Amino acid sequence: MAERKFPVLLIHGFTTSKLANLPLHQALRKAKFQTYNVDIPGLNTQDIRLSSPLVAERVLEIKEKNACEHIQLVGVSMGGL
C-alpha cells in the first residue's frame, strides 16, 4: 500500500513572492506531492498579525479541497527552509 502524501503549502519568505518557490514547487510535484501556494501581499514585509490569517485561510481551503485533516507547511525564509 502506498504511503499517503498530504498536500503541501509553500509559504514564501520575506521580500519575495510565491514565484520564489517555483523550483521547490516543481520538484515536489515531480515527487508526486500536491502543492499549493499562498501569496502574502507586500512581499511578506507586513506584520505577521496581518499575514497569518491569510495563511490560516489558505490552510482551511486546502484541507476542504482535499478532504483531509492534515497538510504539510513549508516556509522558505531568506533562502532556507
C-alpha atoms as a PDB file:
ATOM      1  CA  MET A   1       0.000   0.000   0.000  1.00  0.00           C
ATOM      2  CA  ALA A   2       1.385   3.396  -0.977  1.00  0.00           C
ATOM      3  CA  GLU A   3       2.057   5.957   1.729  1.00  0.00           C
ATOM      4  CA  ARG A   4      -0.359   8.873   1.640  1.00  0.00           C
ATOM      5  CA  LYS A   5       1.274  12.183   0.846  1.00  0.00           C
ATOM      6  CA  PHE A   6      -0.527  15.069   2.459  1.00  0.00           C
ATOM      7  CA  PRO A   7      -0.905  18.299   0.476  1.00  0.00           C
ATOM      8  CA  VAL A   8       1.953  20.764   0.870  1.00  0.00           C
ATOM      9  CA  LEU A   9       1.501  24.515   1.335  1.00  0.00           C
ATOM     10  CA  LEU A  10       4.566  26.532   0.351  1.00  0.00           C
ATOM     11  CA  ILE A  11       4.892  29.858   2.154  1.00  0.00           C
ATOM     12  CA  HIS A  12       7.266  32.359   0.599  1.00  0.00           C
ATOM     13  CA  GLY A  13       9.728  34.357   2.631  1.00  0.00           C
ATOM     14  CA  PHE A  14      10.485  37.958   3.414  1.00  0.00           C
ATOM     15  CA  THR A  15      10.722  40.317   0.402  1.00  0.00           C
ATOM     16  CA  THR A  16       9.710  37.611  -2.097  1.00  0.00           C
ATOM     17  CA  SER A  17       6.548  36.414  -3.796  1.00  0.00           C
ATOM     18  CA  LYS A  18       5.148  32.951  -4.417  1.00  0.00           C
ATOM     19  CA  LEU A  19       7.197  32.808  -7.620  1.00  0.00           C
ATOM     20  CA  ALA A  20      10.335  32.381  -5.495  1.00  0.00           C
ATOM     21  CA  ASN A  21       9.064  28.909  -4.570  1.00  0.00           C
ATOM     22  CA  LEU A  22       8.568  27.744  -8.159  1.00  0.00           C
ATOM     23  CA  PRO A  23      11.632  25.425  -8.278  1.00  0.00           C
ATOM     24  CA  LEU A  24      10.618  23.793  -4.980  1.00  0.00           C
ATOM     25  CA  HIS A  25       7.010  23.548  -6.158  1.00  0.00           C
ATOM     26  CA  GLN A  26       8.136  21.794  -9.358  1.00  0.00           C
ATOM     27  CA  ALA A  27      10.437  19.377  -7.508  1.00  0.00           C
ATOM     28  CA  LEU A  28       7.716  18.399  -5.074  1.00  0.00           C
ATOM     29  CA  ARG A  29       5.218  17.917  -7.902  1.00  0.00           C
ATOM     30  CA  LYS A  30       7.728  15.652  -9.653  1.00  0.00           C
ATOM     31  CA  ALA A  31       7.863  13.616  -6.420  1.00  0.00           C
ATOM     32  CA  LYS A  32       4.049  13.286  -6.637  1.00  0.00           C
ATOM     33  CA  PHE A  33       3.180  15.791  -3.908  1.00  0.00           C
ATOM     34  CA  GLN A  34       0.182  18.044  -4.405  1.00  0.00           C
ATOM     35  CA  THR A  35       1.472  21.539  -3.753  1.00  0.00           C
ATOM     36  CA  TYR A  36      -0.163  24.884  -3.135  1.00  0.00           C
ATOM     37  CA  ASN A  37       0.989  28.454  -2.613  1.00  0.00           C
ATOM     38  CA  VAL A  38      -0.182  31.389  -0.596  1.00  0.00           C
ATOM     39  CA  ASP A  39       0.716  34.819  -1.894  1.00  0.00           C
ATOM     40  CA  ILE A  40       1.303  37.174   1.012  1.00  0.00           C
ATOM     41  CA  PRO A  41       0.876  40.806  -0.087  1.00  0.00           C
ATOM     42  CA  GLY A  42       3.590  43.395   0.275  1.00  0.00           C
ATOM     43  CA  LEU A  43       6.338  40.830  -0.406  1.00  0.00           C
ATOM     44  CA  ASN A  44       5.715  39.415   3.068  1.00  0.00           C
ATOM     45  CA  THR A  45       7.079  42.536   4.762  1.00  0.00           C
ATOM     46  CA  GLN A  46       3.967  43.299   6.787  1.00  0.00           C
ATOM     47  CA  ASP A  47       3.291  42.467  10.400  1.00  0.00           C
ATOM     48  CA  ILE A  48       2.763  38.738  10.923  1.00  0.00           C
ATOM     49  CA  ARG A  49      -0.561  39.527  12.610  1.00  0.00           C
ATOM     50  CA  LEU A  50      -1.779  40.651   9.186  1.00  0.00           C
ATOM     51  CA  SER A  51      -0.311  37.808   7.125  1.00  0.00           C
ATOM     52  CA  SER A  52      -1.029  34.846   9.416  1.00  0.00           C
ATOM     53  CA  PRO A  53      -4.825  34.968   8.852  1.00  0.00           C
ATOM     54  CA  LEU A  54      -4.143  34.662   5.097  1.00  0.00           C
ATOM     55  CA  VAL A  55      -2.099  31.525   5.687  1.00  0.00           C
ATOM     56  CA  ALA A  56      -4.740  30.100   8.031  1.00  0.00           C
ATOM     57  CA  GLU A  57      -7.471  30.731   5.453  1.00  0.00           C
ATOM     58  CA  ARG A  58      -5.413  29.015   2.754  1.00  0.00           C
ATOM     59  CA  VAL A  59      -4.836  26.005   5.035  1.00  0.00           C
ATOM     60  CA  LEU A  60      -8.595  25.632   5.536  1.00  0.00           C
ATOM     61  CA  GLU A  61      -9.214  25.893   1.767  1.00  0.00           C
ATOM     62  CA  ILE A  62      -6.655  23.179   1.028  1.00  0.00           C
ATOM     63  CA  LYS A  63      -7.984  20.874   3.748  1.00  0.00           C
ATOM     64  CA  GLU A  64     -11.513  21.249   2.412  1.00  0.00           C
ATOM     65  CA  LYS A  65     -10.486  20.758  -1.215  1.00  0.00           C
ATOM     66  CA  ASN A  66      -8.565  17.572  -0.375  1.00  0.00           C
ATOM     67  CA  ALA A  67     -10.964  16.261   2.291  1.00  0.00           C
ATOM     68  CA  CYS A  68      -8.104  15.834   4.748  1.00  0.00           C
ATOM     69  CA  GLU A  69      -7.343  16.856   8.304  1.00  0.00           C
ATOM     70  CA  HIS A  70      -3.631  17.492   7.854  1.00  0.00           C
ATOM     71  CA  ILE A  71      -1.410  19.332   5.428  1.00  0.00           C
ATOM     72  CA  GLN A  72       2.304  19.980   5.423  1.00  0.00           C
ATOM     73  CA  LEU A  73       3.610  23.537   5.682  1.00  0.00           C
ATOM     74  CA  VAL A  74       6.934  24.525   4.159  1.00  0.00           C
ATOM     75  CA  GLY A  75       8.157  28.016   4.913  1.00  0.00           C
ATOM     76  CA  VAL A  76      11.013  29.464   2.903  1.00  0.00           C
ATOM     77  CA  SER A  77      12.856  32.348   4.510  1.00  0.00           C
ATOM     78  CA  MET A  78      15.883  34.165   3.143  1.00  0.00           C
ATOM     79  CA  GLY A  79      16.844  31.097   1.083  1.00  0.00           C
ATOM     80  CA  GLY A  80      16.472  28.485   3.829  1.00  0.00           C
ATOM     81  CA  LEU A  81      13.698  26.044   4.638  1.00  0.00           C
END
